[in-house]
C-alpha atoms as a PDB file:
ATOM      1  CA  MET A   1       5.742  -4.662  15.167  1.00  0.00           C
ATOM      2  CA  ALA A   2       3.539  -2.521  17.411  1.00  0.00           C
ATOM      3  CA  GLY A   3       5.882  -3.290  20.300  1.00  0.00           C
ATOM      4  CA  TRP A   4       8.826  -2.101  18.209  1.00  0.00           C
ATOM      5  CA  GLU A   5       6.979   1.156  17.582  1.00  0.00           C
ATOM      6  CA  LEU A   6       6.363   1.649  21.287  1.00  0.00           C
ATOM      7  CA  ALA A   7       9.953   0.833  22.221  1.00  0.00           C
ATOM      8  CA  GLN A   8      11.663   2.872  19.482  1.00  0.00           C
ATOM      9  CA  PRO A   9       9.250   5.382  17.896  1.00  0.00           C
ATOM     10  CA  ARG A  10      10.597   7.269  14.874  1.00  0.00           C
ATOM     11  CA  ARG A  11       8.445  10.371  15.395  1.00  0.00           C
ATOM     12  CA  ALA A  12       5.792  11.749  17.740  1.00  0.00           C
ATOM     13  CA  LEU A  13       2.177  11.068  16.740  1.00  0.00           C
ATOM     14  CA  VAL A  14      -0.136  14.060  16.253  1.00  0.00           C
ATOM     15  CA  ALA A  15      -3.662  12.597  15.998  1.00  0.00           C
ATOM     16  CA  LEU A  16      -5.774  10.991  18.723  1.00  0.00           C
ATOM     17  CA  LYS A  17      -4.159   7.561  18.876  1.00  0.00           C
ATOM     18  CA  GLY A  18      -7.012   5.589  20.436  1.00  0.00           C
ATOM     19  CA  ARG A  19      -9.623   6.798  17.971  1.00  0.00           C
ATOM     20  CA  ARG A  20      -7.193   6.456  15.046  1.00  0.00           C
ATOM     21  CA  TRP A  21      -6.419   2.883  15.906  1.00  0.00           C
ATOM     22  CA  LEU A  22     -10.088   2.002  16.414  1.00  0.00           C
ATOM     23  CA  THR A  23     -10.993   3.499  13.032  1.00  0.00           C
ATOM     24  CA  ASN A  24      -8.099   1.895  11.148  1.00  0.00           C
ATOM     25  CA  LEU A  25      -8.711  -1.517  12.705  1.00  0.00           C
ATOM     26  CA  SER A  26     -12.440  -1.230  11.997  1.00  0.00           C
ATOM     27  CA  ILE A  27     -11.697  -0.489   8.347  1.00  0.00           C
ATOM     28  CA  VAL A  28      -9.533  -3.605   7.988  1.00  0.00           C
ATOM     29  CA  ALA A  29     -12.294  -5.700   9.602  1.00  0.00           C
ATOM     30  CA  ILE A  30     -14.783  -4.385   7.030  1.00  0.00           C
ATOM     31  CA  ASP A  31     -12.230  -5.074   4.269  1.00  0.00           C
ATOM     32  CA  ALA A  32     -11.816  -8.670   5.412  1.00  0.00           C
ATOM     33  CA  ILE A  33     -15.571  -9.250   5.410  1.00  0.00           C
ATOM     34  CA  ALA A  34     -15.948  -7.700   1.942  1.00  0.00           C
ATOM     35  CA  VAL A  35     -13.180  -9.837   0.441  1.00  0.00           C
ATOM     36  CA  ARG A  36     -14.517 -12.994   2.101  1.00  0.00           C
ATOM     37  CA  LEU A  37     -18.010 -12.364   0.719  1.00  0.00           C
ATOM     38  CA  ILE A  38     -16.988 -11.480  -2.850  1.00  0.00           C
ATOM     39  CA  PHE A  39     -13.716 -13.401  -3.307  1.00  0.00           C
ATOM     40  CA  PRO A  40     -13.988 -16.238  -0.763  1.00  0.00           C
ATOM     41  CA  LEU A  41     -10.731 -17.942  -1.837  1.00  0.00           C
ATOM     42  CA  ALA A  42      -8.940 -14.667  -2.606  1.00  0.00           C
ATOM     43  CA  ALA A  43      -5.711 -14.624  -4.621  1.00  0.00           C
ATOM     44  CA  VAL A  44      -4.679 -18.233  -3.959  1.00  0.00           C
ATOM     45  CA  GLY A  45      -8.096 -19.374  -5.171  1.00  0.00           C
ATOM     46  CA  PHE A  46      -7.519 -17.572  -8.479  1.00  0.00           C
ATOM     47  CA  ALA A  47      -4.160 -19.330  -8.861  1.00  0.00           C
ATOM     48  CA  ILE A  48      -5.734 -22.735  -8.199  1.00  0.00           C
ATOM     49  CA  ALA A  49      -8.473 -22.023 -10.750  1.00  0.00           C
ATOM     50  CA  ALA A  50      -5.904 -20.922 -13.350  1.00  0.00           C
ATOM     51  CA  GLN A  51      -3.816 -24.041 -12.727  1.00  0.00           C
ATOM     52  CA  GLU A  52      -6.794 -26.388 -13.036  1.00  0.00           C
ATOM     53  CA  ALA A  53      -7.927 -24.688 -16.263  1.00  0.00           C
ATOM     54  CA  GLY A  54      -4.411 -24.525 -17.698  1.00  0.00           C
ATOM     55  CA  TRP A  55      -4.601 -20.760 -18.125  1.00  0.00           C
ATOM     56  CA  GLY A  56      -1.676 -18.377 -18.068  1.00  0.00           C
ATOM     57  CA  LEU A  57       1.904 -18.320 -19.318  1.00  0.00           C
ATOM     58  CA  PHE A  58       3.490 -20.538 -16.673  1.00  0.00           C
ATOM     59  CA  ASN A  59       0.781 -23.166 -17.138  1.00  0.00           C
ATOM     60  CA  LEU A  60       1.528 -23.299 -20.869  1.00  0.00           C
ATOM     61  CA  ILE A  61       5.323 -23.547 -20.853  1.00  0.00           C
ATOM     62  CA  ALA A  62       7.507 -26.079 -19.088  1.00  0.00           C
ATOM     63  CA  LEU A  63       9.549 -24.388 -16.364  1.00  0.00           C
ATOM     64  CA  PRO A  64      10.993 -25.660 -13.100  1.00  0.00           C
ATOM     65  CA  GLY A  65       8.596 -24.850 -10.278  1.00  0.00           C
ATOM     66  CA  TRP A  66      11.086 -22.606  -8.502  1.00  0.00           C
ATOM     67  CA  VAL A  67      11.671 -20.548 -11.663  1.00  0.00           C
ATOM     68  CA  ALA A  68       7.935 -20.037 -12.197  1.00  0.00           C
ATOM     69  CA  GLY A  69       7.561 -19.192  -8.508  1.00  0.00           C
ATOM     70  CA  ILE A  70      10.284 -16.542  -8.434  1.00  0.00           C
ATOM     71  CA  ALA A  71       9.145 -15.060 -11.747  1.00  0.00           C
ATOM     72  CA  SER A  72       5.552 -14.906 -10.491  1.00  0.00           C
ATOM     73  CA  PHE A  73       6.639 -13.143  -7.301  1.00  0.00           C
ATOM     74  CA  ILE A  74       8.533 -10.505  -9.298  1.00  0.00           C
ATOM     75  CA  VAL A  75       5.687  -9.948 -11.776  1.00  0.00           C
ATOM     76  CA  LEU A  76       3.110  -9.679  -8.992  1.00  0.00           C
ATOM     77  CA  ASP A  77       5.281  -7.183  -7.147  1.00  0.00           C
ATOM     78  CA  LEU A  78       5.614  -5.070 -10.294  1.00  0.00           C
ATOM     79  CA  ALA A  79       1.821  -5.284 -10.731  1.00  0.00           C
ATOM     80  CA  VAL A  80       1.265  -3.979  -7.195  1.00  0.00           C
ATOM     81  CA  TYR A  81       3.704  -1.124  -7.866  1.00  0.00           C
ATOM     82  CA  ALA A  82       1.834  -0.254 -11.090  1.00  0.00           C
ATOM     83  CA  GLN A  83      -1.505  -0.378  -9.293  1.00  0.00           C
ATOM     84  CA  HIS A  84      -0.182   1.964  -6.619  1.00  0.00           C
ATOM     85  CA  VAL A  85       0.988   4.471  -9.222  1.00  0.00           C
ATOM     86  CA  ALA A  86      -2.415   4.265 -10.942  1.00  0.00           C
ATOM     87  CA  SER A  87      -4.194   4.874  -7.635  1.00  0.00           C
ATOM     88  CA  HIS A  88      -2.429   8.235  -7.450  1.00  0.00           C
ATOM     89  CA  LYS A  89      -2.631   9.244 -11.112  1.00  0.00           C
ATOM     90  CA  ILE A  90      -6.201   8.256 -12.045  1.00  0.00           C
ATOM     91  CA  PRO A  91      -8.737  10.569 -10.339  1.00  0.00           C
ATOM     92  CA  LEU A  92     -11.379   7.890  -9.706  1.00  0.00           C
ATOM     93  CA  PHE A  93      -8.846   5.587  -8.074  1.00  0.00           C
ATOM     94  CA  TRP A  94      -7.363   8.476  -6.093  1.00  0.00           C
ATOM     95  CA  ARG A  95     -10.764   9.133  -4.519  1.00  0.00           C
ATOM     96  CA  LEU A  96     -10.534   5.680  -2.972  1.00  0.00           C
ATOM     97  CA  HIS A  97      -6.828   5.751  -2.186  1.00  0.00           C
ATOM     98  CA  ARG A  98      -6.941   9.089  -0.414  1.00  0.00           C
ATOM     99  CA  VAL A  99      -8.639   7.294   2.500  1.00  0.00           C
ATOM    100  CA  HIS A 100      -5.246   5.692   3.114  1.00  0.00           C
ATOM    101  CA  HIS A 101      -3.338   8.968   2.763  1.00  0.00           C
ATOM    102  CA  ALA A 102      -5.741  11.020   4.885  1.00  0.00           C
ATOM    103  CA  ASP A 103      -4.262   9.438   8.024  1.00  0.00           C
ATOM    104  CA  ARG A 104      -2.336  12.225   9.772  1.00  0.00           C
ATOM    105  CA  ASP A 105       0.090   9.755  11.307  1.00  0.00           C
ATOM    106  CA  ILE A 106       1.782   6.687   9.910  1.00  0.00           C
ATOM    107  CA  ASP A 107       2.151   3.509  11.937  1.00  0.00           C
ATOM    108  CA  VAL A 108       1.302  -0.182  11.692  1.00  0.00           C
ATOM    109  CA  THR A 109      -2.440   0.554  11.605  1.00  0.00           C
ATOM    110  CA  THR A 110      -2.008   2.807   8.548  1.00  0.00           C
ATOM    111  CA  ALA A 111      -0.962  -0.317   6.643  1.00  0.00           C
ATOM    112  CA  LEU A 112      -4.508  -1.611   7.196  1.00  0.00           C
ATOM    113  CA  ARG A 113      -6.349   1.607   6.314  1.00  0.00           C
ATOM    114  CA  PHE A 114      -7.648   1.016   2.778  1.00  0.00           C
ATOM    115  CA  HIS A 115     -11.205   1.610   1.622  1.00  0.00           C
ATOM    116  CA  PRO A 116     -13.122  -1.665   1.061  1.00  0.00           C
ATOM    117  CA  ILE A 117     -13.796  -0.806  -2.589  1.00  0.00           C
ATOM    118  CA  GLU A 118     -10.077  -0.241  -3.173  1.00  0.00           C
ATOM    119  CA  ILE A 119      -9.299  -3.604  -1.575  1.00  0.00           C
ATOM    120  CA  LEU A 120     -11.807  -5.340  -3.862  1.00  0.00           C
ATOM    121  CA  LEU A 121     -10.424  -3.608  -6.963  1.00  0.00           C
ATOM    122  CA  SER A 122      -6.914  -4.553  -5.885  1.00  0.00           C
ATOM    123  CA  MET A 123      -7.942  -8.197  -5.567  1.00  0.00           C
ATOM    124  CA  LEU A 124      -9.567  -8.050  -9.008  1.00  0.00           C
ATOM    125  CA  TRP A 125      -6.366  -6.598 -10.514  1.00  0.00           C
ATOM    126  CA  LYS A 126      -4.278  -9.358  -8.922  1.00  0.00           C
ATOM    127  CA  ALA A 127      -6.722 -11.929 -10.309  1.00  0.00           C
ATOM    128  CA  VAL A 128      -6.167 -10.595 -13.835  1.00  0.00           C
ATOM    129  CA  VAL A 129      -2.391 -10.810 -13.430  1.00  0.00           C
ATOM    130  CA  ILE A 130      -2.556 -14.297 -11.883  1.00  0.00           C
ATOM    131  CA  PHE A 131      -4.704 -15.619 -14.744  1.00  0.00           C
ATOM    132  CA  LEU A 132      -2.441 -14.019 -17.367  1.00  0.00           C
ATOM    133  CA  ILE A 133       0.819 -15.415 -16.020  1.00  0.00           C
ATOM    134  CA  GLY A 134      -0.532 -18.636 -14.505  1.00  0.00           C
ATOM    135  CA  ALA A 135       1.167 -17.998 -11.180  1.00  0.00           C
ATOM    136  CA  PRO A 136       1.594 -21.185  -9.095  1.00  0.00           C
ATOM    137  CA  PRO A 137      -0.665 -21.244  -6.010  1.00  0.00           C
ATOM    138  CA  LEU A 138       2.293 -21.596  -3.639  1.00  0.00           C
ATOM    139  CA  ALA A 139       3.984 -18.553  -5.177  1.00  0.00           C
ATOM    140  CA  VAL A 140       0.794 -16.524  -4.764  1.00  0.00           C
ATOM    141  CA  PHE A 141       0.445 -17.638  -1.150  1.00  0.00           C
ATOM    142  CA  VAL A 142       4.043 -16.618  -0.411  1.00  0.00           C
ATOM    143  CA  PHE A 143       3.610 -13.311  -2.226  1.00  0.00           C
ATOM    144  CA  GLU A 144       0.442 -12.426  -0.314  1.00  0.00           C
ATOM    145  CA  ALA A 145       2.078 -13.290   3.007  1.00  0.00           C
ATOM    146  CA  VAL A 146       5.176 -11.228   2.201  1.00  0.00           C
ATOM    147  CA  LEU A 147       3.092  -8.326   0.854  1.00  0.00           C
ATOM    148  CA  ASN A 148       1.003  -8.087   4.007  1.00  0.00           C
ATOM    149  CA  GLY A 149       4.033  -8.424   6.243  1.00  0.00           C
ATOM    150  CA  SER A 150       5.962  -5.832   4.248  1.00  0.00           C
ATOM    151  CA  ALA A 151       3.079  -3.361   4.386  1.00  0.00           C
ATOM    152  CA  VAL A 152       2.997  -3.554   8.184  1.00  0.00           C
ATOM    153  CA  PHE A 153       6.802  -3.303   8.349  1.00  0.00           C
ATOM    154  CA  ASN A 154       7.216  -0.321   6.039  1.00  0.00           C
ATOM    155  CA  HIS A 155       4.385   1.645   7.649  1.00  0.00           C
ATOM    156  CA  ALA A 156       5.847   1.167  11.124  1.00  0.00           C
ATOM    157  CA  ASN A 157       6.591   4.287  13.155  1.00  0.00           C
ATOM    158  CA  ALA A 158       9.806   2.662  14.305  1.00  0.00           C
ATOM    159  CA  ARG A 159      13.479   3.533  14.203  1.00  0.00           C
ATOM    160  CA  LEU A 160      16.020   1.503  12.267  1.00  0.00           C
ATOM    161  CA  PRO A 161      19.755   2.188  12.638  1.00  0.00           C
ATOM    162  CA  LEU A 162      20.710   4.362   9.657  1.00  0.00           C
ATOM    163  CA  GLY A 163      23.340   1.943   8.424  1.00  0.00           C
ATOM    164  CA  LEU A 164      20.892  -0.955   8.497  1.00  0.00           C
ATOM    165  CA  ASP A 165      18.254   1.164   6.754  1.00  0.00           C
ATOM    166  CA  ARG A 166      20.686   2.054   3.951  1.00  0.00           C
ATOM    167  CA  LEU A 167      21.557  -1.611   3.489  1.00  0.00           C
ATOM    168  CA  LEU A 168      17.994  -2.939   3.589  1.00  0.00           C
ATOM    169  CA  ARG A 169      16.565  -0.361   1.192  1.00  0.00           C
ATOM    170  CA  LEU A 170      18.919  -1.602  -1.509  1.00  0.00           C
ATOM    171  CA  PHE A 171      16.556  -4.568  -1.676  1.00  0.00           C
ATOM    172  CA  VAL A 172      13.304  -3.889   0.199  1.00  0.00           C
ATOM    173  CA  VAL A 173      11.145  -0.925   1.201  1.00  0.00           C
ATOM    174  CA  THR A 174      11.993   0.269   4.720  1.00  0.00           C
ATOM    175  CA  PRO A 175       9.844   2.385   7.071  1.00  0.00           C
ATOM    176  CA  ASP A 176      11.957   5.499   6.431  1.00  0.00           C
ATOM    177  CA  MET A 177      11.703   4.983   2.675  1.00  0.00           C
ATOM    178  CA  HIS A 178       7.933   4.553   2.627  1.00  0.00           C
ATOM    179  CA  ARG A 179       7.279   7.337   5.143  1.00  0.00           C
ATOM    180  CA  VAL A 180       8.429   9.837   2.498  1.00  0.00           C
ATOM    181  CA  HIS A 181       5.469   8.722   0.365  1.00  0.00           C
ATOM    182  CA  HIS A 182       3.036   9.858   3.082  1.00  0.00           C
ATOM    183  CA  SER A 183       4.344  13.436   3.139  1.00  0.00           C
ATOM    184  CA  VAL A 184       1.990  16.316   2.335  1.00  0.00           C
ATOM    185  CA  ILE A 185       4.592  17.660  -0.135  1.00  0.00           C
ATOM    186  CA  ARG A 186       3.749  16.848  -3.757  1.00  0.00           C
ATOM    187  CA  GLY A 187       7.215  15.770  -4.866  1.00  0.00           C
ATOM    188  CA  GLU A 188       7.464  13.418  -1.919  1.00  0.00           C
ATOM    189  CA  THR A 189       3.956  11.974  -2.188  1.00  0.00           C
ATOM    190  CA  ASP A 190       4.814  11.356  -5.851  1.00  0.00           C
ATOM    191  CA  SER A 191       7.552   8.921  -4.865  1.00  0.00           C
ATOM    192  CA  ASN A 192       8.416   5.584  -3.258  1.00  0.00           C
ATOM    193  CA  TYR A 193       5.402   3.604  -4.487  1.00  0.00           C
ATOM    194  CA  GLY A 194       6.922   0.184  -3.811  1.00  0.00           C
ATOM    195  CA  PHE A 195       5.681  -2.157  -1.084  1.00  0.00           C
ATOM    196  CA  ASN A 196       8.075  -5.110  -1.222  1.00  0.00           C
ATOM    197  CA  LEU A 197      11.026  -4.623  -3.553  1.00  0.00           C
ATOM    198  CA  SER A 198      12.667  -1.207  -3.706  1.00  0.00           C
ATOM    199  CA  LEU A 199      14.057  -1.648  -7.229  1.00  0.00           C
ATOM    200  CA  TRP A 200      10.876  -0.504  -9.012  1.00  0.00           C
ATOM    201  CA  ASP A 201      11.169   3.042  -7.654  1.00  0.00           C
ATOM    202  CA  ARG A 202      14.795   3.150  -8.776  1.00  0.00           C
ATOM    203  CA  ILE A 203      14.029   1.736 -12.222  1.00  0.00           C
ATOM    204  CA  PHE A 204      11.095   4.085 -12.871  1.00  0.00           C
ATOM    205  CA  ALA A 205      12.732   7.149 -11.265  1.00  0.00           C
ATOM    206  CA  THR A 206      10.184   7.520  -8.459  1.00  0.00           C
ATOM    207  CA  TYR A 207      12.709   7.119  -5.647  1.00  0.00           C
ATOM    208  CA  VAL A 208      13.221   9.908  -3.088  1.00  0.00           C
ATOM    209  CA  PRO A 209      15.717   9.002  -0.327  1.00  0.00           C
ATOM    210  CA  GLN A 210      14.580  11.264   2.533  1.00  0.00           C
ATOM    211  CA  PRO A 211      11.870  13.859   3.315  1.00  0.00           C
ATOM    212  CA  SER A 212      13.031  17.444   2.925  1.00  0.00           C
ATOM    213  CA  ALA A 213      11.860  18.375   6.438  1.00  0.00           C
ATOM    214  CA  GLY A 214      13.375  15.288   8.062  1.00  0.00           C
ATOM    215  CA  HIS A 215      11.429  12.395   9.527  1.00  0.00           C
ATOM    216  CA  GLU A 216      10.660  14.203  12.780  1.00  0.00           C
ATOM    217  CA  GLY A 217       9.704  17.488  11.119  1.00  0.00           C
ATOM    218  CA  MET A 218       7.743  16.288   8.088  1.00  0.00           C
ATOM    219  CA  ARG A 219       3.950  16.547   7.975  1.00  0.00           C
ATOM    220  CA  ILE A 220       1.975  13.386   7.258  1.00  0.00           C
ATOM    221  CA  GLY A 221      -1.398  13.164   5.522  1.00  0.00           C
ATOM    222  CA  LEU A 222      -3.261  15.460   3.141  1.00  0.00           C
ATOM    223  CA  ASP A 223      -3.373  19.245   3.346  1.00  0.00           C
ATOM    224  CA  ASP A 224      -7.094  19.065   2.543  1.00  0.00           C
ATOM    225  CA  TYR A 225      -7.822  17.279   5.825  1.00  0.00           C
ATOM    226  CA  PRO A 226      -5.537  18.632   8.574  1.00  0.00           C
ATOM    227  CA  ASP A 227      -8.039  18.077  11.402  1.00  0.00           C
ATOM    228  CA  GLU A 228      -9.332  15.025  13.269  1.00  0.00           C
ATOM    229  CA  LYS A 229     -11.898  13.988  10.617  1.00  0.00           C
ATOM    230  CA  PRO A 230      -9.717  11.126   9.290  1.00  0.00           C
ATOM    231  CA  THR A 231      -9.873   9.507  12.737  1.00  0.00           C
ATOM    232  CA  HIS A 232     -13.647   8.970  12.352  1.00  0.00           C
ATOM    233  CA  LEU A 233     -14.802   5.689  10.783  1.00  0.00           C
ATOM    234  CA  ILE A 234     -17.942   6.881   8.982  1.00  0.00           C
ATOM    235  CA  TRP A 235     -16.166   9.945   7.596  1.00  0.00           C
ATOM    236  CA  SER A 236     -13.339   7.754   6.282  1.00  0.00           C
ATOM    237  CA  LEU A 237     -15.733   5.330   4.587  1.00  0.00           C
ATOM    238  CA  LEU A 238     -17.645   8.199   2.951  1.00  0.00           C
ATOM    239  CA  LEU A 239     -14.559  10.164   1.866  1.00  0.00           C
ATOM    240  CA  PRO A 240     -14.442   8.748  -1.707  1.00  0.00           C
ATOM    241  CA  PHE A 241     -17.964  10.026  -2.312  1.00  0.00           C
ATOM    242  CA  MET A 242     -17.380  13.532  -0.961  1.00  0.00           C
ATOM    243  CA  PRO A 243     -16.693  16.507  -3.244  1.00  0.00           C
ATOM    244  CA  ASP A 244     -13.173  17.816  -3.338  1.00  0.00           C
ATOM    245  CA  HIS A 245     -12.251  19.996  -0.401  1.00  0.00           C
ATOM    246  CA  PRO A 246     -13.311  23.599  -1.205  1.00  0.00           C
ATOM    247  CA  SER A 247      -9.928  24.985  -0.220  1.00  0.00           C
ATOM    248  CA  GLY A 248      -8.029  22.165  -1.880  1.00  0.00           C
ATOM    249  CA  PRO A 249      -6.908  21.583  -5.466  1.00  0.00           C
ATOM    250  CA  THR A 250      -9.171  20.691  -8.364  1.00  0.00           C
ATOM    251  CA  ARG A 251      -9.632  17.031  -9.235  1.00  0.00           C
ATOM    252  CA  LYS A 252      -7.135  17.362 -12.094  1.00  0.00           C
ATOM    253  CA  ASP A 253      -4.595  19.130  -9.895  1.00  0.00           C
ATOM    254  CA  SER A 254      -5.127  16.603  -7.128  1.00  0.00           C
ATOM    255  CA  ALA A 255      -4.419  13.730  -9.469  1.00  0.00           C
ATOM    256  CA  GLU A 256      -1.269  15.478 -10.701  1.00  0.00           C
ATOM    257  CA  ARG A 257      -0.229  16.369  -7.164  1.00  0.00           C
ATOM    258  CA  ASN A 258      -0.628  12.892  -5.781  1.00  0.00           C
END
């Protein structure tokens, strides 16, 4: 995916690439350690535990394995969409999620740039959903693999032929579709929350086809942090605990804006 970006970049990067990449990759390393320490078996482990205990809808009703698997994938994808919306609308969650949006560029490393606390809360939310529906372990494994792959794909600073993009986004989230979500413009940040399937944004009327300034002209990131601070690791890890930017919106306005 990184090679695709280098061969066919969609837009010029504005931040210091080396430091950005080092920070974003360091954050994902910290995330991996945190998840391993607190949830050693992660999402698949929750599914195995639910199956062994007989908990959850699909462990209580007789369904063909493939039906339960597909249904679990769809429900989990909807749950991730709902979590993403909540991370923008609930001020406490936005404090964590703005670490992701503070990146002034968007590329494959942005897909990895999530605060460790947000990653842990996300895993806890998926655990709740897995226990409620009794998702089969194989379905959870496939979902997690597809989710991680999709996140890297749709954050890529890479160019797809327009015709192929139009076709793919009927079903999945493409890089051009998700890039709109990283715009500094409120109406665009408030859109395109999906990670895997594109239908949720269409169903819940959060779909915006293209950025108003075009993909080359749009500004990425947050207006509150237009400098190089987001490229620093310690600053990024401390961002959720910092007061709102003095020149930026109030907490209420920020939640509404994003």
